[in-house]
Amino acid sequence: MSRKFSCSPKAIKELIHANLLPILTVSGVTGGAVLGLILRYSREEHWTKREVMYVGYIGELFLRALKALIIPLIVSSLVSAIGSLDLSLSKKIGLRAIAYYMTTTVLAVILGIILVVSIHPGKGSDEGIKKAGEARDVYTPDLLMDLLRNLFPPNLIQACFETHKTIIIQPKLKDLENDTRFLSYNLTEDELPPKAEWELGTEHTRALNIMGLVSFATLLGLALSTLGAKGKPLLDFFHSLSDASMVITSWLIWISPVGILFLVASMIIEMEDFSVMLGQLGLYFGTVILGIFIHGFLILPAIYTIFTRKLPFRFLANMSQAYITAFATASSSGTMPVTFQCLEEKNKIDPRVTRFVIPIGATINMDGTALYEAVAAIFIAQVRGIALTIGQVVAISITATAAAIGAAGIPQAGLVTMVMVLDVVGLPAEDMTLIIAVDWLLDRFRTMINVLGDSIGAGLVYELSKKELEQMSINANGDVERPSNEIAMDAVESSKM
């Protein structure tokens, strides 16, 4: 019987090489904490904001690079994924897959919001880390209508750097003295008309309109899919842009430990109560893990059971190798070959379904990422002492859904899309530092749930589409077709490299 584990230098070297990124990430977090504590207690006087900025400068450069990748990564990923949908396989099969993706992603976001609002992991003493947050002085309907307005940007170039917002203009006393509408009010400097009667205005703030870009990318992808051969040249361009963006993202993720080191160090210098922050971070970690467990092992299996009328236990057990690979690699794209093997060989899923559902799911179906980003944004707002309105929570949920759809299936790509979710709450990108310490581990758990969701989706679509598949086989004179879905084969080949 061969030894399962080996302590030879070669085996240790292979183990380190296989887990080099998480090792470097943990080293960056640990090194940042040590550096921050040394600097924090190296002198008695308080560190100034300028000095903290100097310490975190390299980390700031890292965050700026992350922001630069948002537009090319999300737009190209969405256009290439949606444009490559092989709806000729069966429109019903495609619609079932898309409906499943959207439903489970929304359910994951809702679950995350319910848990983080109920558990309130960011609650701590007033001595904890705080930053004054300025809430927008508008009503919830204004925020919801702004979300819809931003879905239809009048200018795509402007949408890359500005977002539309409704504002309430506080009236000046001298402008109201002769206004007949307010004669019944005893107007003083301290007593103005009711806020509902103030003037409404609009402004364009310096923030990425991700909703507008996502809606445009989705429509463009559908148009290219409809065009077929005519749209292939432009679709090939977005395929190449998506691949190039992922390569650049992977480069950036590999140098992230250096940026993380200085971000963590500056955060520790800045915070007032280190113990409170550790307690909050532990609660945050537990909240995300609880949400991932409920969604992955209760909600998704329940959906499978309800629609297929089959117990999911054998199906889930047969996918165990895919879960392990996903946890080890932290990449849903890199796990695809194993996912194909488990689905087709162990669960006997038709290859026509797996080669259609899994590659698209690895691109746009990120339940674990959606849940994590919703929880993280609200947690950071809680730590900063910012009370969120219902409209802001809804805005976070929609943005987290869009961010999850556009996230790349590579390790720690959620850091890129997390930046734009924080923008919705009005928090700076630097606040990601509050969660980076445990992100490397959470990334592996949420990737595992992403793969689990893709797998259950393939099984569910297969069970619901058996009639269409049989009809397609009959139309093909009994020969079972293996589709030539370009995105599927490209994804498989790239994951093997």
Protein backbone atom coordinates (compact mmCIF):
# COMPACT_ATOMS: atom_id res chain seq x y z
CA MET A 1 0.00 0.00 0.00
CA SER A 2 1.53 3.29 -1.11
CA ARG A 3 1.95 6.13 1.28
CA LYS A 4 -0.73 8.79 0.92
CA PHE A 5 1.35 11.53 2.46
CA SER A 6 5.04 12.19 2.03
CA CYS A 7 7.41 14.46 3.90
CA SER A 8 10.11 14.33 1.28
CA PRO A 9 11.61 17.64 0.11
CA LYS A 10 10.06 17.11 -3.33
CA ALA A 11 6.59 16.60 -1.87
CA ILE A 12 6.94 19.65 0.38
CA LYS A 13 8.15 21.71 -2.58
CA GLU A 14 5.14 20.60 -4.66
CA LEU A 15 2.77 21.39 -1.79
CA ILE A 16 4.23 24.89 -1.39
CA HIS A 17 4.10 25.49 -5.15
CA ALA A 18 0.46 24.39 -5.31
CA ASN A 19 -0.51 26.71 -2.46
CA LEU A 20 1.94 29.55 -3.10
CA LEU A 21 -0.67 32.30 -3.56
CA PRO A 22 -2.53 31.69 -0.27
CA ILE A 23 0.82 31.32 1.51
CA LEU A 24 1.98 34.68 0.14
CA THR A 25 -1.38 36.27 0.98
CA VAL A 26 -1.26 35.05 4.58
CA SER A 27 2.34 36.22 4.78
CA GLY A 28 1.27 39.65 3.53
CA VAL A 29 -1.49 39.90 6.13
CA THR A 30 0.80 38.65 8.93
CA GLY A 31 3.67 40.89 7.87
CA GLY A 32 1.34 43.88 7.66
CA ALA A 33 -0.01 43.21 11.14
CA VAL A 34 3.51 42.91 12.59
CA LEU A 35 4.69 46.05 10.80
CA GLY A 36 1.59 47.96 11.88
CA LEU A 37 1.96 46.96 15.53
CA ILE A 38 5.66 47.86 15.55
CA LEU A 39 4.97 51.29 14.05
CA ARG A 40 1.90 51.82 16.25
CA TYR A 41 3.76 51.28 19.52
CA SER A 42 7.12 52.68 18.41
CA ARG A 43 6.15 56.08 19.77
CA GLU A 44 3.64 57.52 22.18
CA GLU A 45 2.21 60.34 20.08
CA HIS A 46 -0.65 59.69 17.67
CA TRP A 47 0.13 59.09 14.01
CA THR A 48 -1.12 61.84 11.71
CA LYS A 49 -3.26 61.17 8.64
CA ARG A 50 -0.38 62.16 6.38
CA GLU A 51 1.94 59.65 8.07
CA VAL A 52 -0.69 56.91 7.76
CA MET A 53 -1.02 57.81 4.08
CA TYR A 54 2.74 57.40 3.61
CA VAL A 55 2.64 53.91 5.15
CA GLY A 56 -0.28 52.83 2.97
CA TYR A 57 0.98 54.43 -0.25
CA ILE A 58 2.02 51.18 -1.95
CA GLY A 59 -1.31 49.66 -0.97
CA GLU A 60 -3.05 52.68 -2.53
CA LEU A 61 -1.25 52.00 -5.81
CA PHE A 62 -2.49 48.39 -5.66
CA LEU A 63 -6.08 49.55 -5.18
CA ARG A 64 -5.80 51.99 -8.06
CA ALA A 65 -4.66 49.14 -10.29
CA LEU A 66 -7.67 47.09 -9.15
CA LYS A 67 -10.02 49.93 -10.09
CA ALA A 68 -8.45 50.21 -13.53
CA LEU A 69 -9.42 46.61 -14.29
CA ILE A 70 -13.12 46.90 -13.44
CA ILE A 71 -14.40 48.16 -16.80
CA PRO A 72 -12.41 45.94 -19.20
CA LEU A 73 -12.86 42.85 -17.04
CA ILE A 74 -16.60 43.08 -16.42
CA VAL A 75 -17.69 44.39 -19.82
CA SER A 76 -15.57 41.92 -21.82
CA SER A 77 -16.56 38.96 -19.60
CA LEU A 78 -20.27 39.68 -19.93
CA VAL A 79 -20.22 40.34 -23.67
CA SER A 80 -18.13 37.24 -24.44
CA ALA A 81 -20.17 34.97 -22.13
CA ILE A 82 -23.63 36.09 -23.26
CA GLY A 83 -22.59 36.48 -26.89
CA SER A 84 -21.36 32.86 -26.92
CA LEU A 85 -24.64 31.37 -25.70
CA ASP A 86 -25.43 28.55 -28.10
CA LEU A 87 -29.18 29.04 -28.12
CA SER A 88 -29.42 26.80 -31.18
CA LEU A 89 -29.00 23.91 -28.74
CA SER A 90 -32.44 24.74 -27.41
CA LYS A 91 -33.88 28.06 -26.41
CA LYS A 92 -35.74 26.39 -23.55
CA ILE A 93 -32.54 24.86 -22.20
CA GLY A 94 -30.76 28.21 -22.40
CA LEU A 95 -33.63 30.06 -20.72
CA ARG A 96 -33.76 27.48 -17.92
CA ALA A 97 -30.05 27.88 -17.28
CA ILE A 98 -30.21 31.70 -17.25
CA ALA A 99 -33.30 31.66 -15.01
CA TYR A 100 -31.51 29.36 -12.57
CA TYR A 101 -28.38 31.54 -12.53
CA MET A 102 -30.27 34.76 -11.85
CA THR A 103 -32.61 33.23 -9.24
CA THR A 104 -29.88 31.60 -7.16
CA THR A 105 -27.64 34.69 -7.31
CA VAL A 106 -30.46 36.94 -6.10
CA LEU A 107 -31.34 34.44 -3.34
CA ALA A 108 -27.69 34.40 -2.22
CA VAL A 109 -27.60 38.20 -2.00
CA ILE A 110 -30.89 38.33 -0.07
CA LEU A 111 -29.66 35.65 2.35
CA GLY A 112 -26.40 37.53 2.91
CA ILE A 113 -28.22 40.79 3.63
CA ILE A 114 -30.63 39.12 6.06
CA LEU A 115 -27.75 37.51 7.97
CA VAL A 116 -25.50 40.58 8.16
CA VAL A 117 -28.38 42.83 9.24
CA SER A 118 -29.55 40.27 11.84
CA ILE A 119 -26.15 39.31 13.26
CA HIS A 120 -24.72 42.84 12.89
CA PRO A 121 -21.05 41.74 12.95
CA GLY A 122 -19.76 45.31 12.56
CA LYS A 123 -21.25 46.47 15.84
CA GLY A 124 -18.63 47.40 18.42
CA SER A 125 -17.70 49.99 20.97
CA ASP A 126 -17.54 53.64 20.04
CA GLU A 127 -13.78 53.40 20.39
CA GLY A 128 -13.47 51.15 17.36
CA ILE A 129 -12.38 52.27 13.96
CA LYS A 130 -14.71 54.97 12.64
CA LYS A 131 -15.02 57.24 9.70
CA ALA A 132 -17.75 59.77 9.35
CA GLY A 133 -20.09 58.72 6.60
CA GLU A 134 -22.28 61.27 4.92
CA ALA A 135 -25.65 59.76 4.07
CA ARG A 136 -27.39 61.16 1.04
CA ASP A 137 -30.24 63.43 2.08
CA VAL A 138 -32.86 61.85 -0.20
CA TYR A 139 -35.84 59.54 0.09
CA THR A 140 -35.79 55.82 -0.66
CA PRO A 141 -37.91 56.21 -3.86
CA ASP A 142 -35.25 58.63 -5.15
CA LEU A 143 -32.52 56.00 -4.65
CA LEU A 144 -34.56 53.27 -6.34
CA MET A 145 -35.42 55.50 -9.30
CA ASP A 146 -31.75 56.46 -9.60
CA LEU A 147 -30.90 52.77 -9.94
CA LEU A 148 -33.23 52.48 -12.93
CA ARG A 149 -31.95 55.75 -14.40
CA ASN A 150 -28.39 54.46 -14.19
CA LEU A 151 -29.43 51.30 -16.06
CA PHE A 152 -29.94 53.51 -19.11
CA PRO A 153 -26.97 55.89 -19.29
CA PRO A 154 -27.35 58.61 -21.93
CA ASN A 155 -23.61 58.47 -22.57
CA LEU A 156 -21.54 55.28 -22.28
CA ILE A 157 -18.28 57.19 -21.97
CA GLN A 158 -19.71 59.22 -19.10
CA ALA A 159 -20.93 55.98 -17.46
CA CYS A 160 -17.29 54.91 -17.12
CA PHE A 161 -16.59 57.61 -14.56
CA GLU A 162 -19.85 59.33 -13.46
CA THR A 163 -23.08 58.19 -11.82
CA HIS A 164 -26.41 60.01 -11.82
CA LYS A 165 -27.82 60.96 -8.40
CA THR A 166 -30.91 62.81 -7.27
CA ILE A 167 -30.31 65.45 -4.60
CA ILE A 168 -32.59 67.58 -2.44
CA ILE A 169 -31.63 71.24 -2.53
CA GLN A 170 -31.99 72.97 0.81
CA PRO A 171 -33.75 76.30 0.24
CA LYS A 172 -32.29 79.59 1.36
CA LEU A 173 -34.39 81.73 3.64
CA LYS A 174 -34.09 84.83 1.46
CA ASP A 175 -35.44 82.94 -1.54
CA LEU A 176 -38.56 81.84 0.36
CA GLU A 177 -39.71 85.12 1.84
CA ASN A 178 -41.72 86.10 -1.26
CA ASP A 179 -42.85 82.60 -2.22
CA THR A 180 -46.63 82.34 -1.76
CA ARG A 181 -46.42 78.59 -1.15
CA PHE A 182 -44.75 79.15 2.21
CA LEU A 183 -46.70 82.10 3.62
CA SER A 184 -48.30 79.85 6.22
CA TYR A 185 -44.89 78.91 7.64
CA ASN A 186 -43.10 80.95 10.26
CA LEU A 187 -39.79 80.80 8.41
CA THR A 188 -36.67 81.27 10.48
CA GLU A 189 -33.11 80.15 10.07
CA ASP A 190 -33.91 77.12 12.23
CA GLU A 191 -37.35 76.34 10.76
CA LEU A 192 -37.55 75.65 7.02
CA PRO A 193 -40.42 74.15 5.01
CA PRO A 194 -40.90 70.35 5.17
CA LYS A 195 -38.22 68.48 3.29
CA ALA A 196 -40.83 67.02 0.95
CA GLU A 197 -41.38 70.52 -0.44
CA TRP A 198 -37.73 71.26 -1.14
CA GLU A 199 -36.50 71.50 -4.71
CA LEU A 200 -35.15 68.39 -6.42
CA GLY A 201 -31.94 68.50 -8.39
CA THR A 202 -29.52 66.13 -10.09
CA GLU A 203 -25.77 65.71 -10.02
CA HIS A 204 -23.20 63.44 -11.57
CA THR A 205 -20.73 62.19 -9.00
CA ARG A 206 -17.31 60.73 -9.73
CA ALA A 207 -18.24 57.07 -9.47
CA LEU A 208 -18.40 54.21 -11.95
CA ASN A 209 -21.94 53.59 -13.26
CA ILE A 210 -21.57 49.83 -13.22
CA MET A 211 -25.32 49.25 -13.67
CA GLY A 212 -25.32 51.09 -17.00
CA LEU A 213 -22.23 49.25 -18.24
CA VAL A 214 -23.66 45.85 -17.22
CA SER A 215 -26.98 46.53 -18.99
CA PHE A 216 -25.17 47.67 -22.15
CA ALA A 217 -22.79 44.67 -22.09
CA THR A 218 -25.73 42.29 -21.66
CA LEU A 219 -27.65 43.79 -24.58
CA LEU A 220 -24.54 43.85 -26.78
CA GLY A 221 -23.84 40.19 -25.97
CA LEU A 222 -27.42 39.22 -26.86
CA ALA A 223 -27.17 41.20 -30.11
CA LEU A 224 -23.91 39.46 -31.08
CA SER A 225 -25.42 36.08 -30.26
CA THR A 226 -28.40 36.90 -32.50
CA LEU A 227 -26.17 38.08 -35.36
CA GLY A 228 -24.30 34.79 -35.52
CA ALA A 229 -21.52 34.82 -38.14
CA LYS A 230 -21.90 38.56 -38.74
CA GLY A 231 -21.19 39.34 -35.10
CA LYS A 232 -18.31 36.87 -34.74
CA PRO A 233 -15.46 39.36 -35.46
CA LEU A 234 -16.62 41.70 -32.70
CA LEU A 235 -17.32 38.77 -30.37
CA ASP A 236 -13.78 37.46 -30.99
CA PHE A 237 -12.47 40.88 -29.96
CA PHE A 238 -14.31 40.68 -26.63
CA HIS A 239 -13.11 37.08 -26.15
CA SER A 240 -9.52 38.29 -26.54
CA LEU A 241 -10.11 41.31 -24.31
CA SER A 242 -11.65 39.06 -21.65
CA ASP A 243 -8.70 36.64 -21.76
CA ALA A 244 -6.20 39.51 -21.62
CA SER A 245 -8.06 41.14 -18.70
CA MET A 246 -7.97 37.87 -16.78
CA VAL A 247 -4.25 37.50 -17.39
CA ILE A 248 -3.61 41.03 -16.11
CA THR A 249 -5.90 40.34 -13.14
CA SER A 250 -3.93 37.19 -12.31
CA TRP A 251 -0.69 39.19 -12.45
CA LEU A 252 -2.15 41.76 -10.11
CA ILE A 253 -3.43 39.10 -7.72
CA TRP A 254 0.08 37.62 -7.53
CA ILE A 255 1.55 40.95 -6.41
CA SER A 256 -1.40 41.64 -4.10
CA PRO A 257 0.45 40.35 -0.97
CA VAL A 258 2.79 43.38 -1.19
CA GLY A 259 -0.13 45.81 -1.42
CA ILE A 260 -1.99 43.95 1.32
CA LEU A 261 1.02 44.19 3.63
CA PHE A 262 1.07 48.00 3.55
CA LEU A 263 -2.74 48.33 3.59
CA VAL A 264 -2.99 46.19 6.73
CA ALA A 265 -0.13 48.07 8.38
CA SER A 266 -1.78 51.46 7.73
CA MET A 267 -5.13 50.15 8.99
CA ILE A 268 -3.61 48.94 12.28
CA ILE A 269 -1.88 52.29 12.80
CA GLU A 270 -5.14 54.14 12.12
CA MET A 271 -7.56 52.12 14.26
CA GLU A 272 -8.11 53.07 17.87
CA ASP A 273 -9.14 49.74 19.38
CA PHE A 274 -7.43 46.70 17.86
CA SER A 275 -9.28 44.14 20.00
CA VAL A 276 -12.69 45.42 18.94
CA MET A 277 -11.74 45.11 15.28
CA LEU A 278 -10.58 41.49 15.78
CA GLY A 279 -13.93 40.62 17.36
CA GLN A 280 -15.81 42.26 14.52
CA LEU A 281 -13.70 40.44 11.92
CA GLY A 282 -14.41 37.10 13.61
CA LEU A 283 -18.17 37.76 13.53
CA TYR A 284 -17.91 38.80 9.88
CA PHE A 285 -16.08 35.58 9.00
CA GLY A 286 -18.71 33.53 10.82
CA THR A 287 -21.55 35.38 9.09
CA VAL A 288 -20.15 34.69 5.61
CA ILE A 289 -19.47 31.00 6.42
CA LEU A 290 -23.00 30.60 7.83
CA GLY A 291 -24.49 32.17 4.72
CA ILE A 292 -22.39 29.96 2.42
CA PHE A 293 -23.42 26.85 4.36
CA ILE A 294 -27.15 27.70 4.31
CA HIS A 295 -27.12 28.60 0.63
CA GLY A 296 -24.94 25.72 -0.56
CA PHE A 297 -26.26 22.88 1.55
CA LEU A 298 -29.87 23.88 2.20
CA ILE A 299 -31.23 26.31 -0.41
CA LEU A 300 -29.58 24.91 -3.57
CA PRO A 301 -30.34 21.23 -2.74
CA ALA A 302 -33.92 22.26 -1.87
CA ILE A 303 -34.31 23.88 -5.30
CA TYR A 304 -32.97 20.72 -6.95
CA THR A 305 -35.35 18.51 -4.96
CA ILE A 306 -38.42 20.67 -5.62
CA PHE A 307 -37.97 20.80 -9.39
CA THR A 308 -36.61 17.30 -10.03
CA ARG A 309 -38.44 15.43 -7.25
CA LYS A 310 -35.21 13.61 -6.48
CA LEU A 311 -33.09 13.65 -3.35
CA PRO A 312 -29.79 15.45 -4.02
CA PHE A 313 -27.51 13.45 -1.70
CA ARG A 314 -26.08 11.01 -4.26
CA PHE A 315 -25.69 13.80 -6.83
CA LEU A 316 -23.80 15.99 -4.33
CA ALA A 317 -21.62 13.10 -3.15
CA ASN A 318 -20.57 12.35 -6.73
CA MET A 319 -19.36 15.94 -7.08
CA SER A 320 -17.02 15.78 -4.07
CA GLN A 321 -13.84 15.82 -6.18
CA ALA A 322 -14.98 19.05 -7.86
CA TYR A 323 -15.59 20.71 -4.47
CA ILE A 324 -12.15 19.68 -3.21
CA THR A 325 -10.50 20.97 -6.38
CA ALA A 326 -12.41 24.26 -6.14
CA PHE A 327 -11.34 24.73 -2.52
CA ALA A 328 -7.72 23.92 -3.36
CA THR A 329 -7.46 26.10 -6.48
CA ALA A 330 -9.89 28.92 -5.52
CA SER A 331 -10.77 29.05 -9.24
CA SER A 332 -14.10 27.99 -10.70
CA SER A 333 -12.64 28.20 -14.22
CA GLY A 334 -9.69 26.01 -13.27
CA THR A 335 -12.06 23.45 -11.74
CA MET A 336 -14.09 22.99 -14.95
CA PRO A 337 -12.32 19.84 -16.26
CA VAL A 338 -12.99 18.07 -12.95
CA THR A 339 -16.56 19.38 -12.90
CA PHE A 340 -17.16 18.00 -16.40
CA GLN A 341 -15.76 14.63 -15.38
CA CYS A 342 -17.88 14.34 -12.22
CA LEU A 343 -21.07 15.42 -13.99
CA GLU A 344 -20.69 13.28 -17.11
CA GLU A 345 -19.07 10.14 -15.69
CA LYS A 346 -20.49 9.90 -12.18
CA ASN A 347 -23.85 11.68 -12.47
CA LYS A 348 -24.45 10.68 -16.12
CA ILE A 349 -25.42 14.20 -17.23
CA ASP A 350 -25.74 14.65 -21.00
CA PRO A 351 -22.54 16.29 -22.36
CA ARG A 352 -24.68 18.64 -24.45
CA VAL A 353 -25.97 20.14 -21.22
CA THR A 354 -22.70 20.22 -19.29
CA ARG A 355 -20.73 21.81 -22.16
CA PHE A 356 -23.37 24.53 -22.36
CA VAL A 357 -24.23 25.18 -18.71
CA ILE A 358 -20.90 24.85 -16.89
CA PRO A 359 -18.71 27.31 -18.90
CA ILE A 360 -21.42 29.99 -18.80
CA GLY A 361 -22.01 29.29 -15.10
CA ALA A 362 -18.30 29.60 -14.33
CA THR A 363 -18.46 33.10 -15.82
CA ILE A 364 -21.76 34.56 -14.60
CA ASN A 365 -23.05 32.29 -11.81
CA MET A 366 -21.17 33.33 -8.66
CA ASP A 367 -23.53 32.71 -5.73
CA GLY A 368 -20.77 32.61 -3.11
CA THR A 369 -19.21 35.81 -4.44
CA ALA A 370 -22.57 37.61 -4.51
CA LEU A 371 -23.31 36.65 -0.90
CA TYR A 372 -19.83 37.65 0.26
CA GLU A 373 -19.87 41.06 -1.42
CA ALA A 374 -23.28 41.97 -0.01
CA VAL A 375 -22.22 40.95 3.51
CA ALA A 376 -18.83 42.68 3.20
CA ALA A 377 -20.25 46.03 2.05
CA ILE A 378 -22.83 46.20 4.84
CA PHE A 379 -20.29 44.96 7.41
CA ILE A 380 -17.86 47.73 6.47
CA ALA A 381 -20.66 50.31 6.72
CA GLN A 382 -21.49 48.98 10.20
CA VAL A 383 -17.85 49.22 11.29
CA ARG A 384 -17.71 52.81 10.02
CA GLY A 385 -20.86 53.68 11.93
CA ILE A 386 -22.93 54.45 8.82
CA ALA A 387 -26.67 53.74 9.08
CA LEU A 388 -27.91 52.44 5.73
CA THR A 389 -31.36 53.23 4.39
CA ILE A 390 -33.58 50.63 2.74
CA GLY A 391 -32.75 52.20 -0.61
CA GLN A 392 -29.03 51.83 0.00
CA VAL A 393 -29.46 48.18 1.01
CA VAL A 394 -31.41 47.54 -2.20
CA ALA A 395 -28.70 49.35 -4.16
CA ILE A 396 -26.05 47.14 -2.54
CA SER A 397 -28.02 44.00 -3.39
CA ILE A 398 -28.39 44.94 -7.06
CA THR A 399 -24.76 46.02 -7.36
CA ALA A 400 -23.53 42.86 -5.61
CA THR A 401 -25.54 40.78 -8.09
CA ALA A 402 -24.04 42.67 -11.03
CA ALA A 403 -20.56 42.42 -9.51
CA ALA A 404 -20.89 38.65 -9.06
CA ILE A 405 -22.01 38.23 -12.66
CA GLY A 406 -18.98 40.14 -13.89
CA ALA A 407 -16.41 38.58 -11.57
CA ALA A 408 -13.68 36.48 -13.15
CA GLY A 409 -13.42 32.80 -12.22
CA ILE A 410 -9.87 33.12 -10.88
CA PRO A 411 -8.48 33.32 -7.31
CA GLN A 412 -9.44 36.44 -5.34
CA ALA A 413 -11.01 38.19 -8.36
CA GLY A 414 -13.75 39.34 -5.97
CA LEU A 415 -11.34 42.01 -4.75
CA VAL A 416 -11.75 43.77 -8.10
CA THR A 417 -15.54 43.87 -8.05
CA MET A 418 -15.68 44.65 -4.32
CA VAL A 419 -14.42 48.15 -5.11
CA MET A 420 -17.56 49.11 -7.02
CA VAL A 421 -19.89 47.65 -4.37
CA LEU A 422 -18.27 49.93 -1.78
CA ASP A 423 -18.90 52.90 -4.07
CA VAL A 424 -22.65 52.37 -3.65
CA VAL A 425 -22.37 53.01 0.09
CA GLY A 426 -19.99 55.92 -0.49
CA LEU A 427 -17.06 54.13 1.16
CA PRO A 428 -13.49 54.40 -0.15
CA ALA A 429 -11.77 51.41 -1.72
CA GLU A 430 -9.23 51.46 1.14
CA ASP A 431 -11.93 50.02 3.41
CA MET A 432 -11.34 46.63 1.79
CA THR A 433 -8.41 46.48 4.20
CA LEU A 434 -10.90 45.63 6.96
CA ILE A 435 -11.70 42.25 5.38
CA ILE A 436 -8.51 41.37 3.49
CA ALA A 437 -7.09 39.48 6.49
CA VAL A 438 -9.61 36.64 6.03
CA ASP A 439 -10.48 37.09 2.34
CA TRP A 440 -7.97 34.50 1.11
CA LEU A 441 -9.74 31.77 3.12
CA LEU A 442 -13.29 32.95 2.41
CA ASP A 443 -12.37 33.01 -1.28
CA ARG A 444 -11.89 29.23 -1.21
CA PHE A 445 -15.22 28.59 0.51
CA ARG A 446 -17.17 30.84 -1.86
CA THR A 447 -15.45 29.26 -4.90
CA MET A 448 -16.55 25.86 -3.64
CA ILE A 449 -20.15 27.11 -3.43
CA ASN A 450 -19.85 28.67 -6.89
CA VAL A 451 -18.89 25.26 -8.31
CA LEU A 452 -21.62 23.53 -6.30
CA GLY A 453 -24.18 25.97 -7.72
CA ASP A 454 -22.97 25.40 -11.28
CA SER A 455 -23.15 21.62 -10.79
CA ILE A 456 -26.65 21.63 -9.36
CA GLY A 457 -27.67 23.94 -12.20
CA ALA A 458 -26.40 21.44 -14.77
CA GLY A 459 -28.24 18.58 -13.05
CA LEU A 460 -31.44 20.60 -12.75
CA VAL A 461 -31.39 21.77 -16.39
CA TYR A 462 -30.71 18.20 -17.55
CA GLU A 463 -33.65 16.77 -15.60
CA LEU A 464 -36.01 19.46 -16.91
CA SER A 465 -34.76 19.21 -20.49
CA LYS A 466 -34.86 15.47 -21.18
CA LYS A 467 -37.73 15.80 -23.66
CA GLU A 468 -35.91 18.46 -25.68
CA LEU A 469 -32.72 16.41 -25.67
CA GLU A 470 -34.56 13.29 -26.88
CA GLN A 471 -36.23 15.28 -29.64
CA MET A 472 -32.87 16.71 -30.72
CA SER A 473 -31.44 13.18 -30.88
CA ILE A 474 -34.35 12.03 -33.03
CA ASN A 475 -33.89 14.99 -35.36
CA ALA A 476 -30.22 14.05 -35.68
CA ASN A 477 -31.17 10.49 -36.79
CA GLY A 478 -30.29 9.01 -33.46
CA ASP A 479 -26.78 10.46 -33.32
CA VAL A 480 -26.15 12.33 -30.09
CA GLU A 481 -24.56 15.64 -30.95
CA ARG A 482 -21.70 17.12 -28.99
CA PRO A 483 -22.08 20.89 -29.37
CA SER A 484 -19.29 23.08 -30.65
CA ASN A 485 -19.86 25.80 -28.09
CA GLU A 486 -16.79 27.98 -28.51
CA ILE A 487 -16.76 29.40 -24.99
CA ALA A 488 -17.01 25.91 -23.50
CA MET A 489 -14.07 24.51 -25.41
CA ASP A 490 -11.98 27.65 -25.00
CA ALA A 491 -12.60 27.61 -21.25
CA VAL A 492 -11.67 23.94 -20.94
CA GLU A 493 -8.47 24.34 -22.96
CA SER A 494 -7.40 27.45 -21.06
CA SER A 495 -8.04 25.79 -17.71
CA LYS A 496 -5.74 22.90 -18.69
CA MET A 497 -2.86 25.23 -19.53
